[in-house]
PDB file of N, CA and C in Angstrom:
ATOM      1  N   MET A   1    -103.621-136.891-198.921  1.00  0.00           N
ATOM      2  CA  MET A   1    -102.534-137.084-199.857  1.00  0.00           C
ATOM      3  C   MET A   1    -101.578-138.164-199.359  1.00  0.00           C
ATOM      4  N   ALA A   2    -101.283-138.131-198.051  1.00  0.00           N
ATOM      5  CA  ALA A   2    -100.372-139.139-197.498  1.00  0.00           C
ATOM      6  C   ALA A   2    -100.964-140.534-197.649  1.00  0.00           C
ATOM      7  N   ARG A   3    -102.266-140.649-197.473  1.00  0.00           N
ATOM      8  CA  ARG A   3    -102.923-141.955-197.611  1.00  0.00           C
ATOM      9  C   ARG A   3    -102.826-142.432-199.064  1.00  0.00           C
ATOM     10  N   LEU A   4    -102.933-141.524-200.019  1.00  0.00           N
ATOM     11  CA  LEU A   4    -102.816-141.871-201.427  1.00  0.00           C
ATOM     12  C   LEU A   4    -101.414-142.390-201.734  1.00  0.00           C
ATOM     13  N   VAL A   5    -100.405-141.717-201.230  1.00  0.00           N
ATOM     14  CA  VAL A   5     -99.022-142.140-201.445  1.00  0.00           C
ATOM     15  C   VAL A   5     -98.801-143.524-200.845  1.00  0.00           C
ATOM     16  N   LEU A   6     -99.316-143.743-199.660  1.00  0.00           N
ATOM     17  CA  LEU A   6     -99.168-145.041-199.017  1.00  0.00           C
ATOM     18  C   LEU A   6     -99.910-146.119-199.788  1.00  0.00           C
ATOM     19  N   ALA A   7    -101.058-145.772-200.323  1.00  0.00           N
ATOM     20  CA  ALA A   7    -101.822-146.744-201.105  1.00  0.00           C
ATOM     21  C   ALA A   7    -101.060-147.130-202.373  1.00  0.00           C
ATOM     22  N   ILE A   8    -100.414-146.173-202.993  1.00  0.00           N
ATOM     23  CA  ILE A   8     -99.616-146.454-204.186  1.00  0.00           C
ATOM     24  C   ILE A   8     -98.498-147.430-203.846  1.00  0.00           C
ATOM     25  N   CYS A   9     -97.812-147.167-202.764  1.00  0.00           N
ATOM     26  CA  CYS A   9     -96.732-148.064-202.342  1.00  0.00           C
ATOM     27  C   CYS A   9     -97.259-149.455-202.055  1.00  0.00           C
ATOM     28  N   ALA A  10     -98.337-149.498-201.355  1.00  0.00           N
ATOM     29  CA  ALA A  10     -98.893-150.798-200.985  1.00  0.00           C
ATOM     30  C   ALA A  10     -99.302-151.589-202.212  1.00  0.00           C
ATOM     31  N   MET A  11     -99.885-150.918-203.191  1.00  0.00           N
ATOM     32  CA  MET A  11    -100.286-151.614-204.405  1.00  0.00           C
ATOM     33  C   MET A  11     -99.059-152.185-205.113  1.00  0.00           C
ATOM     34  N   ALA A  12     -98.034-151.416-205.167  1.00  0.00           N
ATOM     35  CA  ALA A  12     -96.822-151.888-205.830  1.00  0.00           C
ATOM     36  C   ALA A  12     -96.217-153.077-205.100  1.00  0.00           C
ATOM     37  N   ILE A  13     -96.188-152.994-203.809  1.00  0.00           N
ATOM     38  CA  ILE A  13     -95.633-154.083-203.024  1.00  0.00           C
ATOM     39  C   ILE A  13     -96.474-155.339-203.198  1.00  0.00           C
ATOM     40  N   TRP A  14     -97.768-155.165-203.132  1.00  0.00           N
ATOM     41  CA  TRP A  14     -98.663-156.310-203.269  1.00  0.00           C
ATOM     42  C   TRP A  14     -98.524-156.944-204.649  1.00  0.00           C
ATOM     43  N   ALA A  15     -98.264-156.153-205.656  1.00  0.00           N
ATOM     44  CA  ALA A  15     -98.225-156.679-207.019  1.00  0.00           C
ATOM     45  C   ALA A  15     -97.184-157.787-207.174  1.00  0.00           C
ATOM     46  N   PHE A  16     -96.086-157.711-206.467  1.00  0.00           N
ATOM     47  CA  PHE A  16     -95.106-158.781-206.593  1.00  0.00           C
ATOM     48  C   PHE A  16     -95.541-160.034-205.848  1.00  0.00           C
ATOM     49  N   LEU A  17     -96.552-159.917-205.006  1.00  0.00           N
ATOM     50  CA  LEU A  17     -97.066-161.075-204.281  1.00  0.00           C
ATOM     51  C   LEU A  17     -98.173-161.803-205.030  1.00  0.00           C
ATOM     52  N   VAL A  18     -98.736-161.175-206.051  1.00  0.00           N
ATOM     53  CA  VAL A  18     -99.879-161.749-206.762  1.00  0.00           C
ATOM     54  C   VAL A  18     -99.620-163.167-207.252  1.00  0.00           C
ATOM     55  N   PRO A  19     -98.462-163.485-207.833  1.00  0.00           N
ATOM     56  CA  PRO A  19     -98.264-164.865-208.280  1.00  0.00           C
ATOM     57  C   PRO A  19     -98.371-165.882-207.154  1.00  0.00           C
ATOM     58  N   ALA A  20     -98.076-165.487-205.937  1.00  0.00           N
ATOM     59  CA  ALA A  20     -98.156-166.411-204.809  1.00  0.00           C
ATOM     60  C   ALA A  20     -99.540-166.449-204.169  1.00  0.00           C
ATOM     61  N   ALA A  21    -100.393-165.526-204.563  1.00  0.00           N
ATOM     62  CA  ALA A  21    -101.720-165.446-203.946  1.00  0.00           C
ATOM     63  C   ALA A  21    -102.655-166.499-204.509  1.00  0.00           C
ATOM     64  N   ILE A  22    -103.504-166.985-203.652  1.00  0.00           N
ATOM     65  CA  ILE A  22    -104.525-167.942-204.056  1.00  0.00           C
ATOM     66  C   ILE A  22    -105.865-167.298-203.761  1.00  0.00           C
ATOM     67  N   ALA A  23    -106.685-167.133-204.788  1.00  0.00           N
ATOM     68  CA  ALA A  23    -107.973-166.471-204.606  1.00  0.00           C
ATOM     69  C   ALA A  23    -108.881-167.314-203.721  1.00  0.00           C
ATOM     70  N   SER A  24    -109.649-166.630-202.885  1.00  0.00           N
ATOM     71  CA  SER A  24    -110.614-167.320-202.037  1.00  0.00           C
ATOM     72  C   SER A  24    -111.997-166.741-202.281  1.00  0.00           C
ATOM     73  N   ASP A  25    -113.023-167.391-201.729  1.00  0.00           N
ATOM     74  CA  ASP A  25    -114.388-166.951-201.942  1.00  0.00           C
ATOM     75  C   ASP A  25    -114.784-165.794-201.051  1.00  0.00           C
ATOM     76  N   SER A  26    -114.077-165.573-199.982  1.00  0.00           N
ATOM     77  CA  SER A  26    -114.445-164.490-199.083  1.00  0.00           C
ATOM     78  C   SER A  26    -113.219-163.659-198.757  1.00  0.00           C
ATOM     79  N   SER A  27    -113.470-162.409-198.431  1.00  0.00           N
ATOM     80  CA  SER A  27    -112.384-161.500-198.102  1.00  0.00           C
ATOM     81  C   SER A  27    -112.427-161.194-196.615  1.00  0.00           C
ATOM     82  N   PRO A  28    -111.412-161.626-195.867  1.00  0.00           N
ATOM     83  CA  PRO A  28    -111.412-161.359-194.437  1.00  0.00           C
ATOM     84  C   PRO A  28    -111.165-159.887-194.156  1.00  0.00           C
ATOM     85  N   THR A  29    -111.559-159.473-193.000  1.00  0.00           N
ATOM     86  CA  THR A  29    -111.303-158.109-192.583  1.00  0.00           C
ATOM     87  C   THR A  29    -109.819-157.977-192.267  1.00  0.00           C
ATOM     88  N   PRO A  30    -109.158-156.962-192.844  1.00  0.00           N
ATOM     89  CA  PRO A  30    -107.735-156.805-192.562  1.00  0.00           C
ATOM     90  C   PRO A  30    -107.522-156.442-191.097  1.00  0.00           C
ATOM     91  N   PRO A  31    -106.364-156.752-190.575  1.00  0.00           N
ATOM     92  CA  PRO A  31    -106.077-156.426-189.183  1.00  0.00           C
ATOM     93  C   PRO A  31    -106.200-154.927-188.933  1.00  0.00           C
ATOM     94  N   SER A  32    -106.582-154.571-187.725  1.00  0.00           N
ATOM     95  CA  SER A  32    -106.780-153.160-187.400  1.00  0.00           C
ATOM     96  C   SER A  32    -105.473-152.377-187.393  1.00  0.00           C
ATOM     97  N   GLY A  33    -104.334-153.026-187.312  1.00  0.00           N
ATOM     98  CA  GLY A  33    -103.050-152.349-187.265  1.00  0.00           C
ATOM     99  C   GLY A  33    -102.467-151.977-188.617  1.00  0.00           C
ATOM    100  N   CYS A  34    -103.235-152.120-189.697  1.00  0.00           N
ATOM    101  CA  CYS A  34    -102.691-151.836-191.031  1.00  0.00           C
ATOM    102  C   CYS A  34    -102.227-150.395-191.182  1.00  0.00           C
ATOM    103  N   ASP A  35    -102.942-149.460-190.583  1.00  0.00           N
ATOM    104  CA  ASP A  35    -102.532-148.065-190.701  1.00  0.00           C
ATOM    105  C   ASP A  35    -101.146-147.841-190.103  1.00  0.00           C
ATOM    106  N   ASP A  36    -100.743-148.717-189.195  1.00  0.00           N
ATOM    107  CA  ASP A  36     -99.434-148.585-188.558  1.00  0.00           C
ATOM    108  C   ASP A  36     -98.294-149.115-189.422  1.00  0.00           C
ATOM    109  N   VAL A  37     -98.567-150.100-190.278  1.00  0.00           N
ATOM    110  CA  VAL A  37     -97.479-150.716-191.044  1.00  0.00           C
ATOM    111  C   VAL A  37     -97.396-150.254-192.492  1.00  0.00           C
ATOM    112  N   ILE A  38     -98.474-149.778-193.052  1.00  0.00           N
ATOM    113  CA  ILE A  38     -98.453-149.352-194.454  1.00  0.00           C
ATOM    114  C   ILE A  38     -97.434-148.234-194.705  1.00  0.00           C
ATOM    115  N   PRO A  39     -97.244-147.290-193.771  1.00  0.00           N
ATOM    116  CA  PRO A  39     -96.211-146.268-194.012  1.00  0.00           C
ATOM    117  C   PRO A  39     -94.807-146.846-194.191  1.00  0.00           C
ATOM    118  N   ASP A  40     -94.586-148.071-193.709  1.00  0.00           N
ATOM    119  CA  ASP A  40     -93.274-148.698-193.876  1.00  0.00           C
ATOM    120  C   ASP A  40     -92.924-148.916-195.345  1.00  0.00           C
ATOM    121  N   MET A  41     -93.922-148.921-196.205  1.00  0.00           N
ATOM    122  CA  MET A  41     -93.688-149.171-197.627  1.00  0.00           C
ATOM    123  C   MET A  41     -93.511-147.895-198.437  1.00  0.00           C
ATOM    124  N   ALA A  42     -93.583-146.750-197.809  1.00  0.00           N
ATOM    125  CA  ALA A  42     -93.505-145.477-198.527  1.00  0.00           C
ATOM    126  C   ALA A  42     -92.210-145.323-199.317  1.00  0.00           C
ATOM    127  N   ASP A  43     -91.125-145.903-198.838  1.00  0.00           N
ATOM    128  CA  ASP A  43     -89.841-145.771-199.536  1.00  0.00           C
ATOM    129  C   ASP A  43     -89.811-146.493-200.880  1.00  0.00           C
ATOM    130  N   CYS A  44     -90.806-147.317-201.161  1.00  0.00           N
ATOM    131  CA  CYS A  44     -90.852-148.038-202.440  1.00  0.00           C
ATOM    132  C   CYS A  44     -91.444-147.193-203.564  1.00  0.00           C
ATOM    133  N   LEU A  45     -92.175-146.175-203.205  1.00  0.00           N
ATOM    134  CA  LEU A  45     -92.879-145.370-204.200  1.00  0.00           C
ATOM    135  C   LEU A  45     -91.979-144.823-205.302  1.00  0.00           C
ATOM    136  N   PRO A  46     -90.818-144.250-204.991  1.00  0.00           N
ATOM    137  CA  PRO A  46     -89.988-143.713-206.072  1.00  0.00           C
ATOM    138  C   PRO A  46     -89.570-144.764-207.105  1.00  0.00           C
ATOM    139  N   TYR A  47     -89.426-146.004-206.696  1.00  0.00           N
ATOM    140  CA  TYR A  47     -89.003-147.056-207.618  1.00  0.00           C
ATOM    141  C   TYR A  47     -90.156-147.629-208.441  1.00  0.00           C
ATOM    142  N   VAL A  48     -91.310-147.850-207.838  1.00  0.00           N
ATOM    143  CA  VAL A  48     -92.392-148.561-208.526  1.00  0.00           C
ATOM    144  C   VAL A  48     -93.391-147.672-209.252  1.00  0.00           C
ATOM    145  N   THR A  49     -93.341-146.378-209.041  1.00  0.00           N
ATOM    146  CA  THR A  49     -94.262-145.487-209.732  1.00  0.00           C
ATOM    147  C   THR A  49     -94.021-145.557-211.234  1.00  0.00           C
ATOM    148  N   ASP A  50     -95.098-145.657-211.985  1.00  0.00           N
ATOM    149  CA  ASP A  50     -94.990-145.724-213.441  1.00  0.00           C
ATOM    150  C   ASP A  50     -94.242-144.500-213.955  1.00  0.00           C
ATOM    151  N   GLY A  51     -93.226-144.722-214.770  1.00  0.00           N
ATOM    152  CA  GLY A  51     -92.423-143.644-215.323  1.00  0.00           C
ATOM    153  C   GLY A  51     -91.210-143.273-214.478  1.00  0.00           C
ATOM    154  N   SER A  52     -90.974-144.002-213.399  1.00  0.00           N
ATOM    155  CA  SER A  52     -89.844-143.713-212.517  1.00  0.00           C
ATOM    156  C   SER A  52     -88.515-143.950-213.232  1.00  0.00           C
ATOM    157  N   ASN A  53     -87.533-143.116-212.908  1.00  0.00           N
ATOM    158  CA  ASN A  53     -86.183-143.282-213.443  1.00  0.00           C
ATOM    159  C   ASN A  53     -85.239-143.945-212.446  1.00  0.00           C
ATOM    160  N   GLU A  54     -85.750-144.324-211.277  1.00  0.00           N
ATOM    161  CA  GLU A  54     -84.930-145.008-210.273  1.00  0.00           C
ATOM    162  C   GLU A  54     -84.463-146.344-210.843  1.00  0.00           C
ATOM    163  N   THR A  55     -83.229-146.725-210.548  1.00  0.00           N
ATOM    164  CA  THR A  55     -82.691-147.973-211.095  1.00  0.00           C
ATOM    165  C   THR A  55     -82.836-149.168-210.161  1.00  0.00           C
ATOM    166  N   SER A  56     -83.103-148.912-208.886  1.00  0.00           N
ATOM    167  CA  SER A  56     -83.300-150.010-207.933  1.00  0.00           C
ATOM    168  C   SER A  56     -84.083-149.501-206.726  1.00  0.00           C
ATOM    169  N   PRO A  57     -84.732-150.426-206.005  1.00  0.00           N
ATOM    170  CA  PRO A  57     -85.444-150.002-204.794  1.00  0.00           C
ATOM    171  C   PRO A  57     -84.436-149.632-203.710  1.00  0.00           C
ATOM    172  N   SER A  58     -84.822-148.730-202.852  1.00  0.00           N
ATOM    173  CA  SER A  58     -83.934-148.326-201.762  1.00  0.00           C
ATOM    174  C   SER A  58     -83.888-149.389-200.673  1.00  0.00           C
ATOM    175  N   LYS A  59     -82.876-149.294-199.833  1.00  0.00           N
ATOM    176  CA  LYS A  59     -82.772-150.204-198.694  1.00  0.00           C
ATOM    177  C   LYS A  59     -83.995-150.043-197.796  1.00  0.00           C
ATOM    178  N   GLY A  60     -84.462-148.818-197.648  1.00  0.00           N
ATOM    179  CA  GLY A  60     -85.647-148.555-196.831  1.00  0.00           C
ATOM    180  C   GLY A  60     -86.886-149.230-197.382  1.00  0.00           C
ATOM    181  N   CYS A  61     -86.992-149.302-198.700  1.00  0.00           N
ATOM    182  CA  CYS A  61     -88.108-149.988-199.346  1.00  0.00           C
ATOM    183  C   CYS A  61     -88.095-151.461-198.956  1.00  0.00           C
ATOM    184  N   CYS A  62     -86.971-152.103-199.128  1.00  0.00           N
ATOM    185  CA  CYS A  62     -86.863-153.539-198.821  1.00  0.00           C
ATOM    186  C   CYS A  62     -87.095-153.822-197.341  1.00  0.00           C
ATOM    187  N   THR A  63     -86.553-152.975-196.492  1.00  0.00           N
ATOM    188  CA  THR A  63     -86.760-153.138-195.055  1.00  0.00           C
ATOM    189  C   THR A  63     -88.233-152.970-194.706  1.00  0.00           C
ATOM    190  N   GLY A  64     -88.868-151.991-195.311  1.00  0.00           N
ATOM    191  CA  GLY A  64     -90.280-151.743-195.047  1.00  0.00           C
ATOM    192  C   GLY A  64     -91.174-152.892-195.475  1.00  0.00           C
ATOM    193  N   ILE A  65     -90.924-153.430-196.659  1.00  0.00           N
ATOM    194  CA  ILE A  65     -91.720-154.558-197.142  1.00  0.00           C
ATOM    195  C   ILE A  65     -91.546-155.749-196.207  1.00  0.00           C
ATOM    196  N   ALA A  66     -90.322-156.018-195.831  1.00  0.00           N
ATOM    197  CA  ALA A  66     -90.059-157.149-194.940  1.00  0.00           C
ATOM    198  C   ALA A  66     -90.802-156.986-193.618  1.00  0.00           C
ATOM    199  N   HIS A  67     -90.841-155.781-193.096  1.00  0.00           N
ATOM    200  CA  HIS A  67     -91.541-155.520-191.837  1.00  0.00           C
ATOM    201  C   HIS A  67     -93.039-155.768-191.983  1.00  0.00           C
ATOM    202  N   VAL A  68     -93.628-155.278-193.053  1.00  0.00           N
ATOM    203  CA  VAL A  68     -95.069-155.452-193.258  1.00  0.00           C
ATOM    204  C   VAL A  68     -95.418-156.924-193.430  1.00  0.00           C
ATOM    205  N   VAL A  69     -94.650-157.633-194.236  1.00  0.00           N
ATOM    206  CA  VAL A  69     -94.917-159.053-194.464  1.00  0.00           C
ATOM    207  C   VAL A  69     -94.784-159.833-193.158  1.00  0.00           C
ATOM    208  N   ALA A  70     -93.790-159.491-192.350  1.00  0.00           N
ATOM    209  CA  ALA A  70     -93.600-160.188-191.075  1.00  0.00           C
ATOM    210  C   ALA A  70     -94.730-159.900-190.095  1.00  0.00           C
ATOM    211  N   LYS A  71     -95.226-158.672-190.099  1.00  0.00           N
ATOM    212  CA  LYS A  71     -96.266-158.301-189.136  1.00  0.00           C
ATOM    213  C   LYS A  71     -97.649-158.762-189.576  1.00  0.00           C
ATOM    214  N   SER A  72     -98.027-158.454-190.823  1.00  0.00           N
ATOM    215  CA  SER A  72     -99.366-158.815-191.276  1.00  0.00           C
ATOM    216  C   SER A  72     -99.491-158.694-192.788  1.00  0.00           C
ATOM    217  N   PRO A  73     -99.299-159.787-193.520  1.00  0.00           N
ATOM    218  CA  PRO A  73     -99.445-159.749-194.973  1.00  0.00           C
ATOM    219  C   PRO A  73    -100.835-159.303-195.430  1.00  0.00           C
ATOM    220  N   LEU A  74    -101.864-159.494-194.597  1.00  0.00           N
ATOM    221  CA  LEU A  74    -103.206-159.054-194.981  1.00  0.00           C
ATOM    222  C   LEU A  74    -103.280-157.543-195.169  1.00  0.00           C
ATOM    223  N   CYS A  75    -102.382-156.804-194.537  1.00  0.00           N
ATOM    224  CA  CYS A  75    -102.357-155.358-194.735  1.00  0.00           C
ATOM    225  C   CYS A  75    -102.003-155.022-196.183  1.00  0.00           C
ATOM    226  N   LEU A  76    -101.206-155.868-196.819  1.00  0.00           N
ATOM    227  CA  LEU A  76    -100.888-155.661-198.229  1.00  0.00           C
ATOM    228  C   LEU A  76    -102.149-155.817-199.073  1.00  0.00           C
ATOM    229  N   CYS A  77    -102.991-156.756-198.700  1.00  0.00           N
ATOM    230  CA  CYS A  77    -104.253-156.962-199.419  1.00  0.00           C
ATOM    231  C   CYS A  77    -105.107-155.700-199.369  1.00  0.00           C
ATOM    232  N   GLU A  78    -105.258-155.156-198.185  1.00  0.00           N
ATOM    233  CA  GLU A  78    -106.088-153.970-197.999  1.00  0.00           C
ATOM    234  C   GLU A  78    -105.511-152.774-198.747  1.00  0.00           C
ATOM    235  N   ALA A  79    -104.211-152.596-198.665  1.00  0.00           N
ATOM    236  CA  ALA A  79    -103.579-151.463-199.338  1.00  0.00           C
ATOM    237  C   ALA A  79    -103.720-151.574-200.851  1.00  0.00           C
ATOM    238  N   LEU A  80    -103.573-152.767-201.378  1.00  0.00           N
ATOM    239  CA  LEU A  80    -103.733-152.963-202.814  1.00  0.00           C
ATOM    240  C   LEU A  80    -105.166-152.680-203.239  1.00  0.00           C
ATOM    241  N   LYS A  81    -106.099-153.123-202.451  1.00  0.00           N
ATOM    242  CA  LYS A  81    -107.505-152.888-202.767  1.00  0.00           C
ATOM    243  C   LYS A  81    -107.786-151.391-202.859  1.00  0.00           C
ATOM    244  N   GLU A  82    -107.311-150.639-201.887  1.00  0.00           N
ATOM    245  CA  GLU A  82    -107.529-149.197-201.886  1.00  0.00           C
ATOM    246  C   GLU A  82    -106.845-148.528-203.076  1.00  0.00           C
ATOM    247  N   ALA A  83    -105.612-148.895-203.353  1.00  0.00           N
ATOM    248  CA  ALA A  83    -104.873-148.293-204.463  1.00  0.00           C
ATOM    249  C   ALA A  83    -105.525-148.624-205.797  1.00  0.00           C
ATOM    250  N   SER A  84    -105.977-149.854-205.940  1.00  0.00           N
ATOM    251  CA  SER A  84    -106.630-150.272-207.171  1.00  0.00           C
ATOM    252  C   SER A  84    -107.886-149.449-207.424  1.00  0.00           C
ATOM    253  N   GLN A  85    -108.624-149.181-206.379  1.00  0.00           N
ATOM    254  CA  GLN A  85    -109.846-148.391-206.508  1.00  0.00           C
ATOM    255  C   GLN A  85    -109.548-146.953-206.902  1.00  0.00           C
ATOM    256  N   LEU A  86    -108.331-146.492-206.647  1.00  0.00           N
ATOM    257  CA  LEU A  86    -107.930-145.131-206.997  1.00  0.00           C
ATOM    258  C   LEU A  86    -107.292-145.043-208.383  1.00  0.00           C
ATOM    259  N   ASN A  87    -107.207-146.170-209.086  1.00  0.00           N
ATOM    260  CA  ASN A  87    -106.607-146.216-210.430  1.00  0.00           C
ATOM    261  C   ASN A  87    -105.202-145.621-210.455  1.00  0.00           C
ATOM    262  N   ILE A  88    -104.376-146.034-209.537  1.00  0.00           N
ATOM    263  CA  ILE A  88    -103.009-145.537-209.434  1.00  0.00           C
ATOM    264  C   ILE A  88    -102.105-146.326-210.379  1.00  0.00           C
ATOM    265  N   ALA A  89    -101.318-145.607-211.181  1.00  0.00           N
ATOM    266  CA  ALA A  89    -100.435-146.248-212.159  1.00  0.00           C
ATOM    267  C   ALA A  89     -99.129-146.691-211.511  1.00  0.00           C
ATOM    268  N   VAL A  90     -98.875-147.993-211.585  1.00  0.00           N
ATOM    269  CA  VAL A  90     -97.658-148.576-211.029  1.00  0.00           C
ATOM    270  C   VAL A  90     -97.010-149.414-212.118  1.00  0.00           C
ATOM    271  N   ASN A  91     -95.704-149.362-212.204  1.00  0.00           N
ATOM    272  CA  ASN A  91     -94.967-150.202-213.136  1.00  0.00           C
ATOM    273  C   ASN A  91     -94.974-151.617-212.569  1.00  0.00           C
ATOM    274  N   MET A  92     -95.825-152.470-213.125  1.00  0.00           N
ATOM    275  CA  MET A  92     -96.022-153.807-212.585  1.00  0.00           C
ATOM    276  C   MET A  92     -94.772-154.680-212.730  1.00  0.00           C
ATOM    277  N   THR A  93     -93.993-154.470-213.766  1.00  0.00           N
ATOM    278  CA  THR A  93     -92.762-155.239-213.928  1.00  0.00           C
ATOM    279  C   THR A  93     -91.830-154.970-212.752  1.00  0.00           C
ATOM    280  N   ARG A  94     -91.691-153.709-212.399  1.00  0.00           N
ATOM    281  CA  ARG A  94     -90.842-153.357-211.260  1.00  0.00           C
ATOM    282  C   ARG A  94     -91.427-153.883-209.957  1.00  0.00           C
ATOM    283  N   ALA A  95     -92.722-153.727-209.804  1.00  0.00           N
ATOM    284  CA  ALA A  95     -93.368-154.191-208.576  1.00  0.00           C
ATOM    285  C   ALA A  95     -93.218-155.702-208.421  1.00  0.00           C
ATOM    286  N   LEU A  96     -93.385-156.437-209.510  1.00  0.00           N
ATOM    287  CA  LEU A  96     -93.258-157.889-209.458  1.00  0.00           C
ATOM    288  C   LEU A  96     -91.831-158.330-209.150  1.00  0.00           C
ATOM    289  N   GLY A  97     -90.862-157.495-209.474  1.00  0.00           N
ATOM    290  CA  GLY A  97     -89.470-157.839-209.227  1.00  0.00           C
ATOM    291  C   GLY A  97     -88.957-157.488-207.841  1.00  0.00           C
ATOM    292  N   LEU A  98     -89.770-156.812-207.044  1.00  0.00           N
ATOM    293  CA  LEU A  98     -89.296-156.381-205.728  1.00  0.00           C
ATOM    294  C   LEU A  98     -88.872-157.534-204.824  1.00  0.00           C
ATOM    295  N   SER A  99     -89.599-158.636-204.848  1.00  0.00           N
ATOM    296  CA  SER A  99     -89.236-159.737-203.947  1.00  0.00           C
ATOM    297  C   SER A  99     -87.827-160.252-204.252  1.00  0.00           C
ATOM    298  N   ASN A 100     -87.479-160.356-205.524  1.00  0.00           N
ATOM    299  CA  ASN A 100     -86.125-160.799-205.889  1.00  0.00           C
ATOM    300  C   ASN A 100     -85.084-159.741-205.556  1.00  0.00           C
ATOM    301  N   LEU A 101     -85.372-158.501-205.914  1.00  0.00           N
ATOM    302  CA  LEU A 101     -84.411-157.429-205.665  1.00  0.00           C
ATOM    303  C   LEU A 101     -84.158-157.209-204.180  1.00  0.00           C
ATOM    304  N   CYS A 102     -85.194-157.413-203.377  1.00  0.00           N
ATOM    305  CA  CYS A 102     -85.063-157.224-201.931  1.00  0.00           C
ATOM    306  C   CYS A 102     -84.673-158.503-201.207  1.00  0.00           C
ATOM    307  N   LYS A 103     -84.500-159.580-201.984  1.00  0.00           N
ATOM    308  CA  LYS A 103     -84.119-160.881-201.416  1.00  0.00           C
ATOM    309  C   LYS A 103     -85.060-161.307-200.290  1.00  0.00           C
ATOM    310  N   LEU A 104     -86.368-161.213-200.590  1.00  0.00           N
ATOM    311  CA  LEU A 104     -87.389-161.573-199.612  1.00  0.00           C
ATOM    312  C   LEU A 104     -87.993-162.924-199.937  1.00  0.00           C
ATOM    313  N   ASN A 105     -88.237-163.689-198.920  1.00  0.00           N
ATOM    314  CA  ASN A 105     -88.927-164.957-199.049  1.00  0.00           C
ATOM    315  C   ASN A 105     -90.367-164.696-198.626  1.00  0.00           C
ATOM    316  N   VAL A 106     -91.219-164.388-199.577  1.00  0.00           N
ATOM    317  CA  VAL A 106     -92.585-163.969-199.297  1.00  0.00           C
ATOM    318  C   VAL A 106     -93.503-165.180-199.196  1.00  0.00           C
ATOM    319  N   PRO A 107     -94.233-165.295-198.077  1.00  0.00           N
ATOM    320  CA  PRO A 107     -95.171-166.408-197.940  1.00  0.00           C
ATOM    321  C   PRO A 107     -96.375-166.209-198.846  1.00  0.00           C
ATOM    322  N   PRO A 108     -97.016-167.302-199.256  1.00  0.00           N
ATOM    323  CA  PRO A 108     -98.221-167.152-200.066  1.00  0.00           C
ATOM    324  C   PRO A 108     -99.320-166.476-199.257  1.00  0.00           C
ATOM    325  N   ILE A 109    -100.056-165.632-199.915  1.00  0.00           N
ATOM    326  CA  ILE A 109    -101.167-164.958-199.256  1.00  0.00           C
ATOM    327  C   ILE A 109    -102.441-165.534-199.840  1.00  0.00           C
ATOM    328  N   SER A 110    -103.114-166.356-199.059  1.00  0.00           N
ATOM    329  CA  SER A 110    -104.280-167.074-199.572  1.00  0.00           C
ATOM    330  C   SER A 110    -105.597-166.476-199.114  1.00  0.00           C
ATOM    331  N   SER A 111    -105.551-165.402-198.372  1.00  0.00           N
ATOM    332  CA  SER A 111    -106.787-164.875-197.803  1.00  0.00           C
ATOM    333  C   SER A 111    -107.344-163.659-198.528  1.00  0.00           C
ATOM    334  N   CYS A 112    -106.689-163.194-199.563  1.00  0.00           N
ATOM    335  CA  CYS A 112    -107.199-162.033-200.293  1.00  0.00           C
ATOM    336  C   CYS A 112    -108.278-162.471-201.269  1.00  0.00           C
ATOM    337  N   ASN A 113    -109.249-161.634-201.450  1.00  0.00           N
ATOM    338  CA  ASN A 113    -110.321-161.912-202.394  1.00  0.00           C
ATOM    339  C   ASN A 113    -109.786-161.712-203.804  1.00  0.00           C
ATOM    340  N   GLY A 114    -109.868-162.716-204.642  1.00  0.00           N
ATOM    341  CA  GLY A 114    -109.318-162.674-205.993  1.00  0.00           C
ATOM    342  C   GLY A 114    -110.015-161.730-206.940  1.00  0.00           C
ATOM    343  N   THR A 115    -111.195-161.233-206.589  1.00  0.00           N
ATOM    344  CA  THR A 115    -111.923-160.391-207.528  1.00  0.00           C
ATOM    345  C   THR A 115    -111.187-159.106-207.833  1.00  0.00           C
ATOM    346  N   TRP A 116    -110.580-158.477-206.851  1.00  0.00           N
ATOM    347  CA  TRP A 116    -109.880-157.239-207.150  1.00  0.00           C
ATOM    348  C   TRP A 116    -108.450-157.476-207.565  1.00  0.00           C
ATOM    349  N   LEU A 117    -107.939-158.668-207.365  1.00  0.00           N
ATOM    350  CA  LEU A 117    -106.610-158.975-207.884  1.00  0.00           C
ATOM    351  C   LEU A 117    -106.631-158.987-209.407  1.00  0.00           C
ATOM    352  N   MET A 118    -107.758-159.347-209.969  1.00  0.00           N
ATOM    353  CA  MET A 118    -107.869-159.451-211.415  1.00  0.00           C
ATOM    354  C   MET A 118    -108.019-158.087-212.085  1.00  0.00           C
ATOM    355  N   SER A 119    -108.110-157.023-211.325  1.00  0.00           N
ATOM    356  CA  SER A 119    -108.308-155.706-211.914  1.00  0.00           C
ATOM    357  C   SER A 119    -107.064-155.183-212.612  1.00  0.00           C
ATOM    358  N   PHE A 120    -105.939-155.875-212.485  1.00  0.00           N
ATOM    359  CA  PHE A 120    -104.723-155.450-213.161  1.00  0.00           C
ATOM    360  C   PHE A 120    -104.742-156.015-214.542  1.00  0.00           C
TER     361      PHE A 120
END
């Protein structure tokens, strides 16, 4: 269950990065430390879950996203892939707005395989 919750958060976080992503022909193996950083995004779940009544992301959400992006943006790729495979409902408008709301300067992620990005 905890892995499912983390996957939901990761998918939501990744969704705001999609416009900056550039699809590639191959999907690299995500760093082995992803299990360590994905929990940092758990605080975003209440805001990005489809049907949420939260009006803004928490400070913990923004801090968590910033930590994951700084450590390994490829972990966002892996988390999104897992969440997408689980058909988890996320409010994409909210997820796409996280970078602005959290005042994050997100680098482009060019190493994710574009095939599963298109599943949204």
